[in-house]
Amino acid sequence: MTEELQPAERQSRSRDIPRNLKQYYLGFLMKGERWNDPQGSEDLQPRQLAFLRAQLEAGNYVVAGPVTDGGEMVGFAIIEAPNLEAAQEIIGADPAVKERRIGVEVRPSFLPSMAGLKVEF
């Protein structure tokens, strides 16, 4: 059975929802199957940092960074993309993801618009 809202209740509920919501994709970076494999890792960190900077400068990532508690999640990114598949493709191009050192999970989300956020280098 569906509860019908009175006009005052509808107005009250809609007033509590931010008007500047925008679809983003949350990329969760987890330790991958090759996380502890030292082979081929000599230049991985500089390549990954260059990739992150390129994505931020291109506007594909709104913000990204490490998770530092030592758990299974090692990083995150808020991705601006037209759809889930595009967001997965963007984050899947990360060198550490390609080398299976990091696994990825991407989830859609509505967040307040971050159009004014600027990452400085």
PDB file of N, CA and C in Angstrom:
ATOM      1  N   MET A   1       0.839  -1.173   0.000  1.00  0.00           N
ATOM      2  CA  MET A   1       0.000   0.000   0.000  1.00  0.00           C
ATOM      3  C   MET A   1       0.893   1.248   0.000  1.00  0.00           C
ATOM      4  N   THR A   2       0.627   2.174  -0.886  1.00  0.00           N
ATOM      5  CA  THR A   2       1.406   3.399  -1.008  1.00  0.00           C
ATOM      6  C   THR A   2       0.774   4.503  -0.178  1.00  0.00           C
ATOM      7  N   GLU A   3       1.612   5.162   0.607  1.00  0.00           N
ATOM      8  CA  GLU A   3       1.147   6.271   1.437  1.00  0.00           C
ATOM      9  C   GLU A   3       1.110   7.530   0.585  1.00  0.00           C
ATOM     10  N   GLU A   4      -0.004   8.238   0.573  1.00  0.00           N
ATOM     11  CA  GLU A   4      -0.115   9.473  -0.188  1.00  0.00           C
ATOM     12  C   GLU A   4       0.281  10.642   0.694  1.00  0.00           C
ATOM     13  N   LEU A   5       1.167  11.478   0.180  1.00  0.00           N
ATOM     14  CA  LEU A   5       1.649  12.630   0.943  1.00  0.00           C
ATOM     15  C   LEU A   5       0.754  13.835   0.702  1.00  0.00           C
ATOM     16  N   GLN A   6       0.532  14.590   1.739  1.00  0.00           N
ATOM     17  CA  GLN A   6      -0.184  15.854   1.633  1.00  0.00           C
ATOM     18  C   GLN A   6       0.768  16.882   1.013  1.00  0.00           C
ATOM     19  N   PRO A   7       0.264  17.936   0.364  1.00  0.00           N
ATOM     20  CA  PRO A   7       1.131  18.927  -0.278  1.00  0.00           C
ATOM     21  C   PRO A   7       2.213  19.488   0.643  1.00  0.00           C
ATOM     22  N   ALA A   8       1.885  19.793   1.888  1.00  0.00           N
ATOM     23  CA  ALA A   8       2.881  20.339   2.814  1.00  0.00           C
ATOM     24  C   ALA A   8       3.993  19.325   3.078  1.00  0.00           C
ATOM     25  N   GLU A   9       3.655  18.046   3.155  1.00  0.00           N
ATOM     26  CA  GLU A   9       4.657  17.006   3.388  1.00  0.00           C
ATOM     27  C   GLU A   9       5.564  16.846   2.170  1.00  0.00           C
ATOM     28  N   ARG A  10       4.968  16.895   0.972  1.00  0.00           N
ATOM     29  CA  ARG A  10       5.773  16.805  -0.258  1.00  0.00           C
ATOM     30  C   ARG A  10       6.751  17.966  -0.330  1.00  0.00           C
ATOM     31  N   GLN A  11       6.284  19.171  -0.041  1.00  0.00           N
ATOM     32  CA  GLN A  11       7.140  20.349  -0.096  1.00  0.00           C
ATOM     33  C   GLN A  11       8.259  20.238   0.932  1.00  0.00           C
ATOM     34  N   SER A  12       7.956  19.754   2.125  1.00  0.00           N
ATOM     35  CA  SER A  12       8.956  19.611   3.178  1.00  0.00           C
ATOM     36  C   SER A  12      10.034  18.616   2.764  1.00  0.00           C
ATOM     37  N   ARG A  13       9.642  17.469   2.209  1.00  0.00           N
ATOM     38  CA  ARG A  13      10.622  16.462   1.790  1.00  0.00           C
ATOM     39  C   ARG A  13      11.492  16.967   0.649  1.00  0.00           C
ATOM     40  N   SER A  14      10.910  17.646  -0.339  1.00  0.00           N
ATOM     41  CA  SER A  14      11.711  18.132  -1.459  1.00  0.00           C
ATOM     42  C   SER A  14      12.644  19.258  -1.027  1.00  0.00           C
ATOM     43  N   ARG A  15      12.277  20.009   0.002  1.00  0.00           N
ATOM     44  CA  ARG A  15      13.120  21.078   0.516  1.00  0.00           C
ATOM     45  C   ARG A  15      14.393  20.520   1.156  1.00  0.00           C
ATOM     46  N   ASP A  16      14.337  19.291   1.611  1.00  0.00           N
ATOM     47  CA  ASP A  16      15.477  18.661   2.270  1.00  0.00           C
ATOM     48  C   ASP A  16      16.452  18.012   1.296  1.00  0.00           C
ATOM     49  N   ILE A  17      16.123  17.987   0.027  1.00  0.00           N
ATOM     50  CA  ILE A  17      16.983  17.379  -0.988  1.00  0.00           C
ATOM     51  C   ILE A  17      17.759  18.491  -1.684  1.00  0.00           C
ATOM     52  N   PRO A  18      19.094  18.402  -1.694  1.00  0.00           N
ATOM     53  CA  PRO A  18      19.886  19.443  -2.380  1.00  0.00           C
ATOM     54  C   PRO A  18      19.478  19.565  -3.847  1.00  0.00           C
ATOM     55  N   ARG A  19      19.452  20.788  -4.349  1.00  0.00           N
ATOM     56  CA  ARG A  19      19.053  21.021  -5.736  1.00  0.00           C
ATOM     57  C   ARG A  19      20.204  20.872  -6.715  1.00  0.00           C
ATOM     58  N   ASN A  20      21.436  20.883  -6.220  1.00  0.00           N
ATOM     59  CA  ASN A  20      22.576  20.844  -7.126  1.00  0.00           C
ATOM     60  C   ASN A  20      23.194  19.444  -7.220  1.00  0.00           C
ATOM     61  N   LEU A  21      22.369  18.415  -7.098  1.00  0.00           N
ATOM     62  CA  LEU A  21      22.890  17.050  -7.206  1.00  0.00           C
ATOM     63  C   LEU A  21      23.297  16.742  -8.636  1.00  0.00           C
ATOM     64  N   LYS A  22      24.363  15.965  -8.751  1.00  0.00           N
ATOM     65  CA  LYS A  22      24.878  15.577 -10.062  1.00  0.00           C
ATOM     66  C   LYS A  22      25.348  14.131  -9.979  1.00  0.00           C
ATOM     67  N   GLN A  23      25.196  13.404 -11.059  1.00  0.00           N
ATOM     68  CA  GLN A  23      25.655  12.011 -11.083  1.00  0.00           C
ATOM     69  C   GLN A  23      27.168  11.962 -11.222  1.00  0.00           C
ATOM     70  N   TYR A  24      27.787  11.240 -10.309  1.00  0.00           N
ATOM     71  CA  TYR A  24      29.212  10.933 -10.370  1.00  0.00           C
ATOM     72  C   TYR A  24      29.351   9.429 -10.197  1.00  0.00           C
ATOM     73  N   TYR A  25      30.559   8.943 -10.387  1.00  0.00           N
ATOM     74  CA  TYR A  25      30.849   7.527 -10.181  1.00  0.00           C
ATOM     75  C   TYR A  25      31.982   7.430  -9.174  1.00  0.00           C
ATOM     76  N   LEU A  26      31.785   6.605  -8.165  1.00  0.00           N
ATOM     77  CA  LEU A  26      32.786   6.413  -7.127  1.00  0.00           C
ATOM     78  C   LEU A  26      33.619   5.202  -7.490  1.00  0.00           C
ATOM     79  N   GLY A  27      34.901   5.399  -7.648  1.00  0.00           N
ATOM     80  CA  GLY A  27      35.818   4.305  -7.953  1.00  0.00           C
ATOM     81  C   GLY A  27      36.560   3.917  -6.689  1.00  0.00           C
ATOM     82  N   PHE A  28      36.388   2.677  -6.273  1.00  0.00           N
ATOM     83  CA  PHE A  28      37.068   2.158  -5.091  1.00  0.00           C
ATOM     84  C   PHE A  28      38.212   1.263  -5.555  1.00  0.00           C
ATOM     85  N   LEU A  29      39.424   1.591  -5.141  1.00  0.00           N
ATOM     86  CA  LEU A  29      40.621   0.847  -5.537  1.00  0.00           C
ATOM     87  C   LEU A  29      41.018  -0.077  -4.395  1.00  0.00           C
ATOM     88  N   MET A  30      41.053  -1.371  -4.689  1.00  0.00           N
ATOM     89  CA  MET A  30      41.332  -2.392  -3.680  1.00  0.00           C
ATOM     90  C   MET A  30      42.635  -3.121  -4.038  1.00  0.00           C
ATOM     91  N   LYS A  31      43.261  -3.700  -3.024  1.00  0.00           N
ATOM     92  CA  LYS A  31      44.458  -4.497  -3.284  1.00  0.00           C
ATOM     93  C   LYS A  31      44.099  -5.584  -4.292  1.00  0.00           C
ATOM     94  N   GLY A  32      44.915  -5.692  -5.339  1.00  0.00           N
ATOM     95  CA  GLY A  32      44.671  -6.663  -6.394  1.00  0.00           C
ATOM     96  C   GLY A  32      45.454  -7.947  -6.183  1.00  0.00           C
ATOM     97  N   GLU A  33      45.269  -8.871  -7.111  1.00  0.00           N
ATOM     98  CA  GLU A  33      45.920 -10.189  -6.989  1.00  0.00           C
ATOM     99  C   GLU A  33      47.442 -10.102  -7.037  1.00  0.00           C
ATOM    100  N   ARG A  34      47.993  -9.049  -7.653  1.00  0.00           N
ATOM    101  CA  ARG A  34      49.452  -8.882  -7.725  1.00  0.00           C
ATOM    102  C   ARG A  34      49.937  -7.756  -6.810  1.00  0.00           C
ATOM    103  N   TRP A  35      49.195  -7.427  -5.782  1.00  0.00           N
ATOM    104  CA  TRP A  35      49.513  -6.311  -4.891  1.00  0.00           C
ATOM    105  C   TRP A  35      50.953  -6.377  -4.368  1.00  0.00           C
ATOM    106  N   ASN A  36      51.375  -7.546  -3.901  1.00  0.00           N
ATOM    107  CA  ASN A  36      52.705  -7.693  -3.289  1.00  0.00           C
ATOM    108  C   ASN A  36      53.775  -8.232  -4.233  1.00  0.00           C
ATOM    109  N   ASP A  37      53.486  -8.321  -5.509  1.00  0.00           N
ATOM    110  CA  ASP A  37      54.440  -8.850  -6.473  1.00  0.00           C
ATOM    111  C   ASP A  37      55.438  -7.757  -6.858  1.00  0.00           C
ATOM    112  N   PRO A  38      56.718  -7.895  -6.474  1.00  0.00           N
ATOM    113  CA  PRO A  38      57.696  -6.838  -6.776  1.00  0.00           C
ATOM    114  C   PRO A  38      58.126  -6.797  -8.246  1.00  0.00           C
ATOM    115  N   GLN A  39      57.909  -7.879  -8.979  1.00  0.00           N
ATOM    116  CA  GLN A  39      58.360  -7.946 -10.368  1.00  0.00           C
ATOM    117  C   GLN A  39      57.652  -6.895 -11.223  1.00  0.00           C
ATOM    118  N   GLY A  40      58.438  -6.053 -11.877  1.00  0.00           N
ATOM    119  CA  GLY A  40      57.894  -5.043 -12.778  1.00  0.00           C
ATOM    120  C   GLY A  40      57.332  -3.810 -12.096  1.00  0.00           C
ATOM    121  N   SER A  41      57.591  -3.654 -10.809  1.00  0.00           N
ATOM    122  CA  SER A  41      57.000  -2.525 -10.087  1.00  0.00           C
ATOM    123  C   SER A  41      57.917  -1.306  -9.989  1.00  0.00           C
ATOM    124  N   GLU A  42      59.095  -1.377 -10.570  1.00  0.00           N
ATOM    125  CA  GLU A  42      60.090  -0.311 -10.414  1.00  0.00           C
ATOM    126  C   GLU A  42      59.564   1.062 -10.818  1.00  0.00           C
ATOM    127  N   ASP A  43      58.851   1.161 -11.911  1.00  0.00           N
ATOM    128  CA  ASP A  43      58.387   2.466 -12.385  1.00  0.00           C
ATOM    129  C   ASP A  43      56.867   2.625 -12.274  1.00  0.00           C
ATOM    130  N   LEU A  44      56.215   1.748 -11.542  1.00  0.00           N
ATOM    131  CA  LEU A  44      54.750   1.778 -11.463  1.00  0.00           C
ATOM    132  C   LEU A  44      54.234   3.044 -10.767  1.00  0.00           C
ATOM    133  N   GLN A  45      54.815   3.419  -9.644  1.00  0.00           N
ATOM    134  CA  GLN A  45      54.312   4.579  -8.919  1.00  0.00           C
ATOM    135  C   GLN A  45      54.382   5.860  -9.752  1.00  0.00           C
ATOM    136  N   PRO A  46      55.499   6.174 -10.408  1.00  0.00           N
ATOM    137  CA  PRO A  46      55.505   7.387 -11.239  1.00  0.00           C
ATOM    138  C   PRO A  46      54.490   7.319 -12.388  1.00  0.00           C
ATOM    139  N   ARG A  47      54.315   6.148 -12.994  1.00  0.00           N
ATOM    140  CA  ARG A  47      53.330   6.009 -14.079  1.00  0.00           C
ATOM    141  C   ARG A  47      51.913   6.209 -13.552  1.00  0.00           C
ATOM    142  N   GLN A  48      51.646   5.661 -12.384  1.00  0.00           N
ATOM    143  CA  GLN A  48      50.304   5.800 -11.816  1.00  0.00           C
ATOM    144  C   GLN A  48      50.035   7.253 -11.413  1.00  0.00           C
ATOM    145  N   LEU A  49      51.008   7.921 -10.816  1.00  0.00           N
ATOM    146  CA  LEU A  49      50.833   9.328 -10.454  1.00  0.00           C
ATOM    147  C   LEU A  49      50.628  10.201 -11.696  1.00  0.00           C
ATOM    148  N   ALA A  50      51.354   9.914 -12.772  1.00  0.00           N
ATOM    149  CA  ALA A  50      51.168  10.652 -14.025  1.00  0.00           C
ATOM    150  C   ALA A  50      49.762  10.411 -14.578  1.00  0.00           C
ATOM    151  N   PHE A  51      49.283   9.171 -14.475  1.00  0.00           N
ATOM    152  CA  PHE A  51      47.926   8.846 -14.925  1.00  0.00           C
ATOM    153  C   PHE A  51      46.897   9.629 -14.107  1.00  0.00           C
ATOM    154  N   LEU A  52      47.044   9.636 -12.786  1.00  0.00           N
ATOM    155  CA  LEU A  52      46.099  10.362 -11.926  1.00  0.00           C
ATOM    156  C   LEU A  52      46.078  11.847 -12.287  1.00  0.00           C
ATOM    157  N   ARG A  53      47.256  12.432 -12.459  1.00  0.00           N
ATOM    158  CA  ARG A  53      47.308  13.848 -12.821  1.00  0.00           C
ATOM    159  C   ARG A  53      46.618  14.092 -14.164  1.00  0.00           C
ATOM    160  N   ALA A  54      46.876  13.247 -15.129  1.00  0.00           N
ATOM    161  CA  ALA A  54      46.250  13.405 -16.449  1.00  0.00           C
ATOM    162  C   ALA A  54      44.729  13.324 -16.354  1.00  0.00           C
ATOM    163  N   GLN A  55      44.224  12.412 -15.538  1.00  0.00           N
ATOM    164  CA  GLN A  55      42.764  12.276 -15.389  1.00  0.00           C
ATOM    165  C   GLN A  55      42.171  13.489 -14.683  1.00  0.00           C
ATOM    166  N   LEU A  56      42.867  14.005 -13.680  1.00  0.00           N
ATOM    167  CA  LEU A  56      42.394  15.206 -12.980  1.00  0.00           C
ATOM    168  C   LEU A  56      42.414  16.413 -13.914  1.00  0.00           C
ATOM    169  N   GLU A  57      43.488  16.575 -14.656  1.00  0.00           N
ATOM    170  CA  GLU A  57      43.588  17.719 -15.568  1.00  0.00           C
ATOM    171  C   GLU A  57      42.580  17.629 -16.713  1.00  0.00           C
ATOM    172  N   ALA A  58      42.246  16.424 -17.140  1.00  0.00           N
ATOM    173  CA  ALA A  58      41.265  16.233 -18.212  1.00  0.00           C
ATOM    174  C   ALA A  58      39.831  16.379 -17.718  1.00  0.00           C
ATOM    175  N   GLY A  59      39.651  16.404 -16.393  1.00  0.00           N
ATOM    176  CA  GLY A  59      38.298  16.512 -15.838  1.00  0.00           C
ATOM    177  C   GLY A  59      37.583  15.183 -15.695  1.00  0.00           C
ATOM    178  N   ASN A  60      38.274  14.077 -15.964  1.00  0.00           N
ATOM    179  CA  ASN A  60      37.657  12.760 -15.789  1.00  0.00           C
ATOM    180  C   ASN A  60      37.556  12.398 -14.313  1.00  0.00           C
ATOM    181  N   TYR A  61      38.564  12.747 -13.541  1.00  0.00           N
ATOM    182  CA  TYR A  61      38.533  12.584 -12.088  1.00  0.00           C
ATOM    183  C   TYR A  61      38.260  13.961 -11.490  1.00  0.00           C
ATOM    184  N   VAL A  62      37.320  14.014 -10.579  1.00  0.00           N
ATOM    185  CA  VAL A  62      37.067  15.250  -9.848  1.00  0.00           C
ATOM    186  C   VAL A  62      38.077  15.363  -8.726  1.00  0.00           C
ATOM    187  N   VAL A  63      38.311  14.247  -8.058  1.00  0.00           N
ATOM    188  CA  VAL A  63      39.279  14.153  -6.985  1.00  0.00           C
ATOM    189  C   VAL A  63      39.670  12.684  -6.870  1.00  0.00           C
ATOM    190  N   ALA A  64      40.876  12.431  -6.408  1.00  0.00           N
ATOM    191  CA  ALA A  64      41.348  11.056  -6.214  1.00  0.00           C
ATOM    192  C   ALA A  64      42.429  11.074  -5.155  1.00  0.00           C
ATOM    193  N   GLY A  65      42.583   9.966  -4.472  1.00  0.00           N
ATOM    194  CA  GLY A  65      43.629   9.913  -3.472  1.00  0.00           C
ATOM    195  C   GLY A  65      43.729   8.557  -2.801  1.00  0.00           C
ATOM    196  N   PRO A  66      44.729   8.417  -1.949  1.00  0.00           N
ATOM    197  CA  PRO A  66      44.934   7.145  -1.260  1.00  0.00           C
ATOM    198  C   PRO A  66      44.025   7.004  -0.043  1.00  0.00           C
ATOM    199  N   VAL A  67      43.820   5.774   0.366  1.00  0.00           N
ATOM    200  CA  VAL A  67      43.198   5.453   1.648  1.00  0.00           C
ATOM    201  C   VAL A  67      44.345   4.907   2.490  1.00  0.00           C
ATOM    202  N   THR A  68      44.566   5.453   3.658  1.00  0.00           N
ATOM    203  CA  THR A  68      45.816   5.218   4.371  1.00  0.00           C
ATOM    204  C   THR A  68      45.684   4.398   5.657  1.00  0.00           C
ATOM    205  N   ASP A  69      44.601   3.644   5.808  1.00  0.00           N
ATOM    206  CA  ASP A  69      44.438   2.891   7.061  1.00  0.00           C
ATOM    207  C   ASP A  69      45.045   1.491   7.012  1.00  0.00           C
ATOM    208  N   GLY A  70      45.676   1.109   5.886  1.00  0.00           N
ATOM    209  CA  GLY A  70      46.320  -0.197   5.788  1.00  0.00           C
ATOM    210  C   GLY A  70      45.381  -1.340   5.473  1.00  0.00           C
ATOM    211  N   GLY A  71      44.123  -1.055   5.187  1.00  0.00           N
ATOM    212  CA  GLY A  71      43.146  -2.093   4.876  1.00  0.00           C
ATOM    213  C   GLY A  71      43.185  -2.513   3.419  1.00  0.00           C
ATOM    214  N   GLU A  72      42.155  -3.209   2.996  1.00  0.00           N
ATOM    215  CA  GLU A  72      42.073  -3.706   1.617  1.00  0.00           C
ATOM    216  C   GLU A  72      41.852  -2.583   0.605  1.00  0.00           C
ATOM    217  N   MET A  73      41.147  -1.517   1.010  1.00  0.00           N
ATOM    218  CA  MET A  73      40.941  -0.394   0.099  1.00  0.00           C
ATOM    219  C   MET A  73      42.175   0.493   0.163  1.00  0.00           C
ATOM    220  N   VAL A  74      42.743   0.783  -1.010  1.00  0.00           N
ATOM    221  CA  VAL A  74      43.979   1.560  -1.046  1.00  0.00           C
ATOM    222  C   VAL A  74      43.820   2.939  -1.694  1.00  0.00           C
ATOM    223  N   GLY A  75      42.682   3.189  -2.313  1.00  0.00           N
ATOM    224  CA  GLY A  75      42.478   4.482  -2.943  1.00  0.00           C
ATOM    225  C   GLY A  75      41.049   4.638  -3.426  1.00  0.00           C
ATOM    226  N   PHE A  76      40.760   5.837  -3.900  1.00  0.00           N
ATOM    227  CA  PHE A  76      39.424   6.122  -4.421  1.00  0.00           C
ATOM    228  C   PHE A  76      39.535   7.207  -5.485  1.00  0.00           C
ATOM    229  N   ALA A  77      38.498   7.316  -6.287  1.00  0.00           N
ATOM    230  CA  ALA A  77      38.387   8.409  -7.253  1.00  0.00           C
ATOM    231  C   ALA A  77      36.917   8.745  -7.415  1.00  0.00           C
ATOM    232  N   ILE A  78      36.624  10.009  -7.542  1.00  0.00           N
ATOM    233  CA  ILE A  78      35.288  10.440  -7.938  1.00  0.00           C
ATOM    234  C   ILE A  78      35.410  10.784  -9.410  1.00  0.00           C
ATOM    235  N   ILE A  79      34.638  10.063 -10.214  1.00  0.00           N
ATOM    236  CA  ILE A  79      34.788  10.108 -11.667  1.00  0.00           C
ATOM    237  C   ILE A  79      33.599  10.839 -12.292  1.00  0.00           C
ATOM    238  N   GLU A  80      33.893  11.715 -13.226  1.00  0.00           N
ATOM    239  CA  GLU A  80      32.848  12.371 -13.996  1.00  0.00           C
ATOM    240  C   GLU A  80      32.829  11.706 -15.371  1.00  0.00           C
ATOM    241  N   ALA A  81      31.731  11.048 -15.673  1.00  0.00           N
ATOM    242  CA  ALA A  81      31.609  10.305 -16.930  1.00  0.00           C
ATOM    243  C   ALA A  81      30.142  10.261 -17.339  1.00  0.00           C
ATOM    244  N   PRO A  82      29.871  10.021 -18.623  1.00  0.00           N
ATOM    245  CA  PRO A  82      28.483  10.000 -19.082  1.00  0.00           C
ATOM    246  C   PRO A  82      27.692   8.780 -18.603  1.00  0.00           C
ATOM    247  N   ASN A  83      28.404   7.691 -18.262  1.00  0.00           N
ATOM    248  CA  ASN A  83      27.703   6.482 -17.819  1.00  0.00           C
ATOM    249  C   ASN A  83      28.683   5.562 -17.084  1.00  0.00           C
ATOM    250  N   LEU A  84      28.149   4.506 -16.501  1.00  0.00           N
ATOM    251  CA  LEU A  84      28.951   3.577 -15.708  1.00  0.00           C
ATOM    252  C   LEU A  84      30.049   2.920 -16.541  1.00  0.00           C
ATOM    253  N   GLU A  85      29.723   2.529 -17.751  1.00  0.00           N
ATOM    254  CA  GLU A  85      30.712   1.860 -18.603  1.00  0.00           C
ATOM    255  C   GLU A  85      31.896   2.786 -18.903  1.00  0.00           C
ATOM    256  N   ALA A  86      31.613   4.048 -19.165  1.00  0.00           N
ATOM    257  CA  ALA A  86      32.691   5.010 -19.434  1.00  0.00           C
ATOM    258  C   ALA A  86      33.550   5.208 -18.186  1.00  0.00           C
ATOM    259  N   ALA A  87      32.911   5.280 -17.016  1.00  0.00           N
ATOM    260  CA  ALA A  87      33.666   5.433 -15.764  1.00  0.00           C
ATOM    261  C   ALA A  87      34.567   4.226 -15.530  1.00  0.00           C
ATOM    262  N   GLN A  88      34.058   3.036 -15.802  1.00  0.00           N
ATOM    263  CA  GLN A  88      34.861   1.818 -15.638  1.00  0.00           C
ATOM    264  C   GLN A  88      36.035   1.806 -16.613  1.00  0.00           C
ATOM    265  N   GLU A  89      35.801   2.290 -17.810  1.00  0.00           N
ATOM    266  CA  GLU A  89      36.874   2.344 -18.807  1.00  0.00           C
ATOM    267  C   GLU A  89      37.960   3.336 -18.386  1.00  0.00           C
ATOM    268  N   ILE A  90      37.550   4.483 -17.866  1.00  0.00           N
ATOM    269  CA  ILE A  90      38.510   5.496 -17.433  1.00  0.00           C
ATOM    270  C   ILE A  90      39.393   4.945 -16.324  1.00  0.00           C
ATOM    271  N   ILE A  91      38.797   4.429 -15.272  1.00  0.00           N
ATOM    272  CA  ILE A  91      39.578   3.960 -14.126  1.00  0.00           C
ATOM    273  C   ILE A  91      40.330   2.670 -14.469  1.00  0.00           C
ATOM    274  N   GLY A  92      39.791   1.892 -15.399  1.00  0.00           N
ATOM    275  CA  GLY A  92      40.455   0.658 -15.823  1.00  0.00           C
ATOM    276  C   GLY A  92      41.744   0.896 -16.579  1.00  0.00           C
ATOM    277  N   ALA A  93      41.971   2.130 -17.051  1.00  0.00           N
ATOM    278  CA  ALA A  93      43.203   2.464 -17.767  1.00  0.00           C
ATOM    279  C   ALA A  93      44.357   2.795 -16.813  1.00  0.00           C
ATOM    280  N   ASP A  94      44.085   2.838 -15.524  1.00  0.00           N
ATOM    281  CA  ASP A  94      45.132   3.082 -14.522  1.00  0.00           C
ATOM    282  C   ASP A  94      46.203   1.997 -14.670  1.00  0.00           C
ATOM    283  N   PRO A  95      47.485   2.364 -14.730  1.00  0.00           N
ATOM    284  CA  PRO A  95      48.546   1.360 -14.903  1.00  0.00           C
ATOM    285  C   PRO A  95      48.530   0.261 -13.834  1.00  0.00           C
ATOM    286  N   ALA A  96      48.224   0.606 -12.599  1.00  0.00           N
ATOM    287  CA  ALA A  96      48.197  -0.398 -11.531  1.00  0.00           C
ATOM    288  C   ALA A  96      47.005  -1.342 -11.686  1.00  0.00           C
ATOM    289  N   VAL A  97      45.922  -0.847 -12.235  1.00  0.00           N
ATOM    290  CA  VAL A  97      44.754  -1.697 -12.508  1.00  0.00           C
ATOM    291  C   VAL A  97      45.082  -2.638 -13.666  1.00  0.00           C
ATOM    292  N   LYS A  98      45.688  -2.096 -14.711  1.00  0.00           N
ATOM    293  CA  LYS A  98      46.052  -2.915 -15.869  1.00  0.00           C
ATOM    294  C   LYS A  98      46.999  -4.049 -15.483  1.00  0.00           C
ATOM    295  N   GLU A  99      47.865  -3.784 -14.507  1.00  0.00           N
ATOM    296  CA  GLU A  99      48.819  -4.811 -14.064  1.00  0.00           C
ATOM    297  C   GLU A  99      48.262  -5.683 -12.936  1.00  0.00           C
ATOM    298  N   ARG A 100      47.008  -5.511 -12.629  1.00  0.00           N
ATOM    299  CA  ARG A 100      46.282  -6.306 -11.616  1.00  0.00           C
ATOM    300  C   ARG A 100      46.870  -6.167 -10.209  1.00  0.00           C
ATOM    301  N   ARG A 101      47.586  -5.086  -9.968  1.00  0.00           N
ATOM    302  CA  ARG A 101      48.061  -4.806  -8.605  1.00  0.00           C
ATOM    303  C   ARG A 101      46.926  -4.191  -7.796  1.00  0.00           C
ATOM    304  N   ILE A 102      46.017  -3.528  -8.495  1.00  0.00           N
ATOM    305  CA  ILE A 102      44.851  -2.909  -7.878  1.00  0.00           C
ATOM    306  C   ILE A 102      43.613  -3.401  -8.608  1.00  0.00           C
ATOM    307  N   GLY A 103      42.601  -3.757  -7.822  1.00  0.00           N
ATOM    308  CA  GLY A 103      41.293  -4.097  -8.373  1.00  0.00           C
ATOM    309  C   GLY A 103      40.373  -2.891  -8.214  1.00  0.00           C
ATOM    310  N   VAL A 104      39.312  -2.863  -8.980  1.00  0.00           N
ATOM    311  CA  VAL A 104      38.432  -1.697  -8.987  1.00  0.00           C
ATOM    312  C   VAL A 104      36.978  -2.110  -8.846  1.00  0.00           C
ATOM    313  N   GLU A 105      36.254  -1.290  -8.112  1.00  0.00           N
ATOM    314  CA  GLU A 105      34.800  -1.383  -8.048  1.00  0.00           C
ATOM    315  C   GLU A 105      34.277   0.022  -8.300  1.00  0.00           C
ATOM    316  N   VAL A 106      33.311   0.167  -9.200  1.00  0.00           N
ATOM    317  CA  VAL A 106      32.764   1.480  -9.534  1.00  0.00           C
ATOM    318  C   VAL A 106      31.273   1.468  -9.236  1.00  0.00           C
ATOM    319  N   ARG A 107      30.823   2.496  -8.535  1.00  0.00           N
ATOM    320  CA  ARG A 107      29.414   2.618  -8.155  1.00  0.00           C
ATOM    321  C   ARG A 107      28.889   4.000  -8.534  1.00  0.00           C
ATOM    322  N   PRO A 108      27.658   4.069  -9.066  1.00  0.00           N
ATOM    323  CA  PRO A 108      27.063   5.378  -9.356  1.00  0.00           C
ATOM    324  C   PRO A 108      26.605   6.046  -8.065  1.00  0.00           C
ATOM    325  N   SER A 109      26.637   7.376  -8.071  1.00  0.00           N
ATOM    326  CA  SER A 109      26.247   8.133  -6.889  1.00  0.00           C
ATOM    327  C   SER A 109      25.749   9.506  -7.308  1.00  0.00           C
ATOM    328  N   PHE A 110      24.881  10.075  -6.513  1.00  0.00           N
ATOM    329  CA  PHE A 110      24.493  11.473  -6.682  1.00  0.00           C
ATOM    330  C   PHE A 110      25.122  12.254  -5.542  1.00  0.00           C
ATOM    331  N   LEU A 111      25.880  13.285  -5.902  1.00  0.00           N
ATOM    332  CA  LEU A 111      26.564  14.135  -4.937  1.00  0.00           C
ATOM    333  C   LEU A 111      26.313  15.586  -5.325  1.00  0.00           C
ATOM    334  N   PRO A 112      26.477  16.499  -4.384  1.00  0.00           N
ATOM    335  CA  PRO A 112      26.401  17.904  -4.788  1.00  0.00           C
ATOM    336  C   PRO A 112      27.442  18.182  -5.872  1.00  0.00           C
ATOM    337  N   SER A 113      27.097  19.038  -6.803  1.00  0.00           N
ATOM    338  CA  SER A 113      28.001  19.363  -7.899  1.00  0.00           C
ATOM    339  C   SER A 113      29.349  19.834  -7.356  1.00  0.00           C
ATOM    340  N   MET A 114      30.401  19.315  -7.954  1.00  0.00           N
ATOM    341  CA  MET A 114      31.757  19.693  -7.562  1.00  0.00           C
ATOM    342  C   MET A 114      32.422  20.514  -8.654  1.00  0.00           C
ATOM    343  N   ALA A 115      31.610  21.205  -9.444  1.00  0.00           N
ATOM    344  CA  ALA A 115      32.121  21.967 -10.581  1.00  0.00           C
ATOM    345  C   ALA A 115      33.172  23.003 -10.179  1.00  0.00           C
ATOM    346  N   GLY A 116      33.102  23.528  -8.967  1.00  0.00           N
ATOM    347  CA  GLY A 116      34.049  24.546  -8.530  1.00  0.00           C
ATOM    348  C   GLY A 116      35.307  23.995  -7.883  1.00  0.00           C
ATOM    349  N   LEU A 117      35.375  22.687  -7.713  1.00  0.00           N
ATOM    350  CA  LEU A 117      36.536  22.068  -7.051  1.00  0.00           C
ATOM    351  C   LEU A 117      37.721  22.050  -8.003  1.00  0.00           C
ATOM    352  N   LYS A 118      38.893  22.462  -7.510  1.00  0.00           N
ATOM    353  CA  LYS A 118      40.089  22.480  -8.345  1.00  0.00           C
ATOM    354  C   LYS A 118      41.236  21.837  -7.583  1.00  0.00           C
ATOM    355  N   VAL A 119      41.882  20.877  -8.205  1.00  0.00           N
ATOM    356  CA  VAL A 119      43.067  20.255  -7.639  1.00  0.00           C
ATOM    357  C   VAL A 119      44.272  20.991  -8.204  1.00  0.00           C
ATOM    358  N   GLU A 120      45.157  21.419  -7.331  1.00  0.00           N
ATOM    359  CA  GLU A 120      46.325  22.171  -7.772  1.00  0.00           C
ATOM    360  C   GLU A 120      47.570  21.314  -7.744  1.00  0.00           C
ATOM    361  N   PHE A 121      48.425  21.487  -8.750  1.00  0.00           N
ATOM    362  CA  PHE A 121      49.705  20.757  -8.832  1.00  0.00           C
ATOM    363  C   PHE A 121      50.837  21.745  -8.734  1.00  0.00           C
TER     364      PHE A 121
END
